[in-house]
Amino acid sequence: MSKCKTHKNHDHEHKDGCGHTKIKHGDHYDYLHDGHLHHKHEGHYDEHTLEVSEKNPDGCKPIKDECCDHVHGPDCGHEAVPHGDHVDYIVDGRLHHPHGDHCDDHGPVEVVKNKK
């Protein structure tokens, strides 16, 4: 990450047992918090975004199996993750991106449930 995008006024400490989901991001872990990926850095939290890559593409790749019985969005029950210039939703360890009448598969994510 070449630039710090600091999350201002963040009074919650992310750590094992904090209750937020951890996601493997490159050589470190980030914490999902209210649709943001937070990474502790030099006494503050940076907001990260999963990069578009070969592992996590952003193209139209419809999921062949039924995606879900609902439309992804706020309060759908799946955690939102910033990915490139859009938002995806984690479903069974994969990034789902709502696209018209289907969901696109934007690849796997390594998720670590971080229970309280």
N, C-alpha and C. Protein backbone atom coordinates (compact mmCIF):
# COMPACT_ATOMS: atom_id res chain seq x y z
N MET A 1 0.84 -1.18 0.00
CA MET A 1 0.00 0.00 0.00
C MET A 1 0.88 1.24 0.00
N SER A 2 0.76 2.02 -0.97
CA SER A 2 1.61 3.20 -1.06
C SER A 2 1.02 4.40 -0.33
N LYS A 3 -0.29 4.47 -0.21
CA LYS A 3 -0.91 5.60 0.46
C LYS A 3 -1.73 5.12 1.64
N CYS A 4 -1.72 5.90 2.72
CA CYS A 4 -2.55 5.62 3.88
C CYS A 4 -3.89 6.32 3.71
N LYS A 5 -4.96 5.55 3.79
CA LYS A 5 -6.29 6.15 3.86
C LYS A 5 -6.77 5.86 5.28
N THR A 6 -6.56 6.82 6.16
CA THR A 6 -6.83 6.64 7.58
C THR A 6 -8.32 6.69 7.87
N HIS A 7 -8.77 5.72 8.69
CA HIS A 7 -10.15 5.74 9.17
C HIS A 7 -10.17 6.62 10.42
N LYS A 8 -10.80 7.75 10.34
CA LYS A 8 -10.82 8.74 11.43
C LYS A 8 -11.75 8.30 12.57
N ASN A 9 -11.41 8.74 13.78
CA ASN A 9 -12.25 8.53 14.97
C ASN A 9 -12.63 7.07 15.18
N HIS A 10 -11.66 6.20 15.09
CA HIS A 10 -11.92 4.77 15.26
C HIS A 10 -11.51 4.38 16.68
N ASP A 11 -12.50 4.16 17.54
CA ASP A 11 -12.20 3.90 18.95
C ASP A 11 -12.26 2.42 19.31
N HIS A 12 -12.51 1.55 18.35
CA HIS A 12 -12.56 0.11 18.59
C HIS A 12 -11.20 -0.49 18.24
N GLU A 13 -10.69 -1.37 19.10
CA GLU A 13 -9.42 -2.03 18.79
C GLU A 13 -9.68 -3.38 18.14
N HIS A 14 -9.22 -3.56 16.92
CA HIS A 14 -9.35 -4.84 16.23
C HIS A 14 -8.23 -5.76 16.69
N LYS A 15 -8.63 -6.97 17.08
CA LYS A 15 -7.68 -7.99 17.52
C LYS A 15 -8.44 -9.30 17.60
N ASP A 16 -7.72 -10.41 17.83
CA ASP A 16 -8.39 -11.69 18.01
C ASP A 16 -9.40 -11.56 19.13
N GLY A 17 -10.62 -12.01 18.86
CA GLY A 17 -11.67 -11.96 19.86
C GLY A 17 -12.48 -10.68 19.88
N CYS A 18 -12.22 -9.75 18.96
CA CYS A 18 -12.94 -8.47 18.98
C CYS A 18 -14.34 -8.57 18.39
N GLY A 19 -14.64 -9.70 17.71
CA GLY A 19 -15.97 -9.89 17.16
C GLY A 19 -16.11 -9.59 15.69
N HIS A 20 -15.09 -9.03 15.07
CA HIS A 20 -15.15 -8.74 13.63
C HIS A 20 -14.43 -9.82 12.84
N THR A 21 -14.89 -10.06 11.64
CA THR A 21 -14.31 -11.07 10.76
C THR A 21 -12.97 -10.61 10.22
N LYS A 22 -11.99 -11.54 10.24
CA LYS A 22 -10.67 -11.27 9.68
C LYS A 22 -10.60 -11.85 8.28
N ILE A 23 -9.94 -11.11 7.39
CA ILE A 23 -9.73 -11.56 6.02
C ILE A 23 -8.25 -11.45 5.69
N LYS A 24 -7.72 -12.50 5.09
CA LYS A 24 -6.33 -12.48 4.61
C LYS A 24 -6.25 -11.51 3.44
N HIS A 25 -5.32 -10.56 3.52
CA HIS A 25 -5.14 -9.54 2.47
C HIS A 25 -3.65 -9.40 2.22
N GLY A 26 -3.18 -10.05 1.16
CA GLY A 26 -1.74 -10.00 0.88
C GLY A 26 -0.96 -10.69 1.97
N ASP A 27 -0.05 -9.96 2.61
CA ASP A 27 0.81 -10.53 3.65
C ASP A 27 0.32 -10.23 5.06
N HIS A 28 -0.94 -9.81 5.20
CA HIS A 28 -1.48 -9.46 6.52
C HIS A 28 -2.97 -9.78 6.57
N TYR A 29 -3.58 -9.51 7.72
CA TYR A 29 -5.02 -9.68 7.88
C TYR A 29 -5.65 -8.32 8.10
N ASP A 30 -6.84 -8.13 7.54
CA ASP A 30 -7.66 -6.95 7.78
C ASP A 30 -8.92 -7.40 8.50
N TYR A 31 -9.58 -6.46 9.15
CA TYR A 31 -10.82 -6.73 9.86
C TYR A 31 -11.98 -6.04 9.15
N LEU A 32 -13.07 -6.78 8.93
CA LEU A 32 -14.28 -6.20 8.35
C LEU A 32 -15.06 -5.47 9.42
N HIS A 33 -15.37 -4.21 9.16
CA HIS A 33 -16.10 -3.39 10.13
C HIS A 33 -16.99 -2.42 9.37
N ASP A 34 -18.30 -2.66 9.42
CA ASP A 34 -19.27 -1.77 8.77
C ASP A 34 -18.97 -1.55 7.28
N GLY A 35 -18.64 -2.63 6.58
CA GLY A 35 -18.38 -2.54 5.14
C GLY A 35 -17.01 -2.02 4.77
N HIS A 36 -16.13 -1.88 5.75
CA HIS A 36 -14.77 -1.40 5.50
C HIS A 36 -13.78 -2.48 5.92
N LEU A 37 -12.61 -2.50 5.30
CA LEU A 37 -11.50 -3.34 5.72
C LEU A 37 -10.53 -2.48 6.51
N HIS A 38 -10.33 -2.81 7.77
CA HIS A 38 -9.45 -2.02 8.63
C HIS A 38 -8.16 -2.77 8.90
N HIS A 39 -7.06 -2.02 8.84
CA HIS A 39 -5.73 -2.57 9.11
C HIS A 39 -4.99 -1.63 10.07
N LYS A 40 -4.57 -2.20 11.22
CA LYS A 40 -3.85 -1.39 12.20
C LYS A 40 -2.47 -1.02 11.65
N HIS A 41 -2.15 0.29 11.77
CA HIS A 41 -0.91 0.78 11.18
C HIS A 41 -0.45 2.01 11.94
N GLU A 42 0.70 1.91 12.59
CA GLU A 42 1.33 3.04 13.27
C GLU A 42 0.37 3.84 14.15
N GLY A 43 -0.40 3.12 14.98
CA GLY A 43 -1.27 3.78 15.96
C GLY A 43 -2.62 4.22 15.44
N HIS A 44 -2.94 3.88 14.19
CA HIS A 44 -4.26 4.22 13.65
C HIS A 44 -4.72 3.06 12.75
N TYR A 45 -5.92 3.18 12.21
CA TYR A 45 -6.43 2.16 11.29
C TYR A 45 -6.53 2.72 9.88
N ASP A 46 -5.96 1.97 8.94
CA ASP A 46 -6.09 2.31 7.52
C ASP A 46 -7.31 1.58 6.96
N GLU A 47 -7.94 2.19 5.97
CA GLU A 47 -9.00 1.53 5.23
C GLU A 47 -8.37 0.91 3.99
N HIS A 48 -8.52 -0.40 3.86
CA HIS A 48 -7.97 -1.12 2.72
C HIS A 48 -9.09 -1.54 1.78
N THR A 49 -8.69 -1.89 0.56
CA THR A 49 -9.59 -2.42 -0.46
C THR A 49 -8.91 -3.63 -1.09
N LEU A 50 -9.65 -4.72 -1.26
CA LEU A 50 -9.08 -5.86 -1.97
C LEU A 50 -8.82 -5.45 -3.41
N GLU A 51 -7.63 -5.70 -3.87
CA GLU A 51 -7.25 -5.32 -5.22
C GLU A 51 -7.89 -6.26 -6.24
N VAL A 52 -8.19 -5.74 -7.41
CA VAL A 52 -8.61 -6.58 -8.52
C VAL A 52 -7.35 -7.29 -9.02
N SER A 53 -7.43 -8.60 -9.16
CA SER A 53 -6.26 -9.41 -9.52
C SER A 53 -6.73 -10.66 -10.26
N GLU A 54 -5.76 -11.49 -10.63
CA GLU A 54 -6.11 -12.77 -11.25
C GLU A 54 -6.90 -13.62 -10.26
N LYS A 55 -6.51 -13.59 -8.99
CA LYS A 55 -7.21 -14.35 -7.95
C LYS A 55 -8.59 -13.77 -7.69
N ASN A 56 -8.71 -12.45 -7.69
CA ASN A 56 -9.97 -11.77 -7.41
C ASN A 56 -10.30 -10.82 -8.56
N PRO A 57 -10.77 -11.38 -9.70
CA PRO A 57 -11.09 -10.55 -10.86
C PRO A 57 -12.37 -9.74 -10.64
N ASP A 58 -12.63 -8.81 -11.54
CA ASP A 58 -13.85 -8.01 -11.41
C ASP A 58 -14.76 -8.12 -12.63
N GLY A 59 -14.52 -9.11 -13.47
CA GLY A 59 -15.32 -9.25 -14.69
C GLY A 59 -16.63 -9.98 -14.47
N CYS A 60 -17.37 -10.11 -15.54
CA CYS A 60 -18.65 -10.81 -15.52
C CYS A 60 -18.39 -12.31 -15.63
N LYS A 61 -18.51 -12.99 -14.50
CA LYS A 61 -18.34 -14.44 -14.45
C LYS A 61 -19.51 -14.99 -13.63
N PRO A 62 -20.66 -15.17 -14.28
CA PRO A 62 -21.86 -15.60 -13.55
C PRO A 62 -21.64 -16.89 -12.77
N ILE A 63 -22.19 -16.90 -11.58
CA ILE A 63 -22.15 -18.10 -10.74
C ILE A 63 -23.20 -19.04 -11.30
N LYS A 64 -22.79 -20.28 -11.62
CA LYS A 64 -23.69 -21.23 -12.26
C LYS A 64 -24.75 -21.74 -11.30
N ASP A 65 -24.36 -22.02 -10.07
CA ASP A 65 -25.35 -22.47 -9.08
C ASP A 65 -26.17 -21.26 -8.66
N GLU A 66 -27.33 -21.55 -8.11
CA GLU A 66 -28.16 -20.44 -7.63
C GLU A 66 -27.36 -19.66 -6.60
N CYS A 67 -27.23 -18.38 -6.82
CA CYS A 67 -26.42 -17.52 -5.96
C CYS A 67 -26.99 -17.51 -4.55
N CYS A 68 -28.16 -17.06 -4.43
CA CYS A 68 -28.83 -16.95 -3.14
C CYS A 68 -30.31 -16.81 -3.43
N ASP A 69 -31.09 -16.84 -2.40
CA ASP A 69 -32.52 -16.62 -2.59
C ASP A 69 -32.88 -15.17 -2.28
N HIS A 70 -31.91 -14.29 -2.42
CA HIS A 70 -32.13 -12.87 -2.16
C HIS A 70 -31.18 -12.03 -3.01
N VAL A 71 -31.35 -10.73 -2.94
CA VAL A 71 -30.46 -9.80 -3.63
C VAL A 71 -29.47 -9.26 -2.61
N HIS A 72 -28.18 -9.28 -2.94
CA HIS A 72 -27.17 -8.75 -2.04
C HIS A 72 -27.31 -7.24 -1.91
N GLY A 73 -27.13 -6.76 -0.70
CA GLY A 73 -27.19 -5.34 -0.42
C GLY A 73 -27.15 -5.14 1.08
N PRO A 74 -27.31 -3.91 1.54
CA PRO A 74 -27.28 -3.64 2.98
C PRO A 74 -28.27 -4.55 3.72
N ASP A 75 -27.81 -5.13 4.80
CA ASP A 75 -28.63 -5.98 5.67
C ASP A 75 -29.10 -7.28 5.02
N CYS A 76 -28.38 -7.77 3.99
CA CYS A 76 -28.77 -9.03 3.35
C CYS A 76 -28.29 -10.25 4.14
N GLY A 77 -27.42 -10.02 5.13
CA GLY A 77 -26.91 -11.13 5.92
C GLY A 77 -25.51 -11.57 5.53
N HIS A 78 -24.98 -11.04 4.44
CA HIS A 78 -23.61 -11.33 4.03
C HIS A 78 -22.76 -10.08 4.23
N GLU A 79 -21.51 -10.29 4.63
CA GLU A 79 -20.64 -9.14 4.90
C GLU A 79 -20.14 -8.51 3.60
N ALA A 80 -20.21 -7.19 3.56
CA ALA A 80 -19.75 -6.41 2.41
C ALA A 80 -18.25 -6.21 2.49
N VAL A 81 -17.59 -6.29 1.33
CA VAL A 81 -16.14 -6.13 1.24
C VAL A 81 -15.81 -5.19 0.09
N PRO A 82 -15.02 -4.12 0.34
CA PRO A 82 -14.59 -3.28 -0.77
C PRO A 82 -13.63 -4.05 -1.68
N HIS A 83 -13.91 -4.04 -2.98
CA HIS A 83 -13.10 -4.77 -3.95
C HIS A 83 -12.96 -3.90 -5.19
N GLY A 84 -11.76 -3.42 -5.42
CA GLY A 84 -11.55 -2.50 -6.54
C GLY A 84 -12.41 -1.27 -6.36
N ASP A 85 -13.24 -0.96 -7.37
CA ASP A 85 -14.08 0.24 -7.30
C ASP A 85 -15.53 -0.08 -6.95
N HIS A 86 -15.77 -1.27 -6.37
CA HIS A 86 -17.14 -1.68 -6.06
C HIS A 86 -17.17 -2.46 -4.74
N VAL A 87 -18.33 -2.98 -4.40
CA VAL A 87 -18.52 -3.76 -3.18
C VAL A 87 -18.96 -5.17 -3.57
N ASP A 88 -18.33 -6.16 -2.95
CA ASP A 88 -18.73 -7.56 -3.09
C ASP A 88 -19.24 -8.05 -1.75
N TYR A 89 -19.82 -9.25 -1.75
CA TYR A 89 -20.36 -9.84 -0.52
C TYR A 89 -19.76 -11.23 -0.36
N ILE A 90 -19.37 -11.57 0.87
CA ILE A 90 -18.76 -12.87 1.13
C ILE A 90 -19.86 -13.91 1.29
N VAL A 91 -19.79 -14.96 0.45
CA VAL A 91 -20.71 -16.09 0.53
C VAL A 91 -19.87 -17.36 0.47
N ASP A 92 -19.84 -18.09 1.57
CA ASP A 92 -19.09 -19.35 1.64
C ASP A 92 -17.64 -19.19 1.16
N GLY A 93 -16.97 -18.13 1.61
CA GLY A 93 -15.55 -17.94 1.31
C GLY A 93 -15.26 -17.43 -0.08
N ARG A 94 -16.29 -16.93 -0.78
CA ARG A 94 -16.09 -16.38 -2.12
C ARG A 94 -16.73 -15.01 -2.20
N LEU A 95 -16.19 -14.18 -3.09
CA LEU A 95 -16.73 -12.85 -3.30
C LEU A 95 -17.83 -12.91 -4.37
N HIS A 96 -19.03 -12.50 -3.98
CA HIS A 96 -20.15 -12.42 -4.92
C HIS A 96 -20.42 -10.96 -5.23
N HIS A 97 -20.61 -10.68 -6.52
CA HIS A 97 -20.90 -9.31 -6.94
C HIS A 97 -22.24 -9.28 -7.67
N PRO A 98 -23.22 -8.54 -7.11
CA PRO A 98 -24.51 -8.43 -7.79
C PRO A 98 -24.34 -7.75 -9.14
N HIS A 99 -24.92 -8.35 -10.18
CA HIS A 99 -24.75 -7.83 -11.54
C HIS A 99 -26.00 -8.17 -12.34
N GLY A 100 -26.89 -7.22 -12.47
CA GLY A 100 -28.12 -7.45 -13.21
C GLY A 100 -28.96 -8.53 -12.54
N ASP A 101 -29.27 -9.59 -13.29
CA ASP A 101 -30.12 -10.65 -12.77
C ASP A 101 -29.33 -11.84 -12.21
N HIS A 102 -28.04 -11.66 -11.98
CA HIS A 102 -27.21 -12.75 -11.45
C HIS A 102 -26.11 -12.18 -10.55
N CYS A 103 -25.32 -13.09 -9.99
CA CYS A 103 -24.13 -12.70 -9.22
C CYS A 103 -22.91 -13.19 -9.98
N ASP A 104 -21.86 -12.36 -9.98
CA ASP A 104 -20.58 -12.75 -10.55
C ASP A 104 -19.68 -13.28 -9.45
N ASP A 105 -18.86 -14.26 -9.80
CA ASP A 105 -17.88 -14.82 -8.87
C ASP A 105 -16.59 -14.02 -9.01
N HIS A 106 -16.21 -13.31 -7.94
CA HIS A 106 -14.99 -12.51 -7.95
C HIS A 106 -13.87 -13.18 -7.15
N GLY A 107 -13.96 -14.49 -7.01
CA GLY A 107 -12.86 -15.26 -6.45
C GLY A 107 -12.95 -15.53 -4.96
N PRO A 108 -11.97 -16.29 -4.46
CA PRO A 108 -11.96 -16.69 -3.06
C PRO A 108 -11.35 -15.63 -2.13
N VAL A 109 -11.76 -15.70 -0.88
CA VAL A 109 -11.12 -14.93 0.18
C VAL A 109 -10.91 -15.88 1.36
N GLU A 110 -9.79 -15.69 2.05
CA GLU A 110 -9.52 -16.48 3.25
C GLU A 110 -10.13 -15.74 4.43
N VAL A 111 -11.18 -16.34 4.99
CA VAL A 111 -11.93 -15.72 6.08
C VAL A 111 -11.62 -16.44 7.38
N VAL A 112 -11.38 -15.66 8.44
CA VAL A 112 -11.18 -16.21 9.78
C VAL A 112 -12.24 -15.61 10.67
N LYS A 113 -13.17 -16.44 11.15
CA LYS A 113 -14.19 -15.93 12.06
C LYS A 113 -13.50 -15.52 13.35
N ASN A 114 -13.83 -14.37 13.83
CA ASN A 114 -13.16 -13.77 14.99
C ASN A 114 -14.20 -13.58 16.08
N LYS A 115 -14.50 -14.65 16.80
CA LYS A 115 -15.58 -14.64 17.79
C LYS A 115 -15.19 -13.87 19.04
N LYS A 116 -16.22 -13.34 19.66
CA LYS A 116 -16.03 -12.62 20.93
C LYS A 116 -15.73 -13.58 22.04
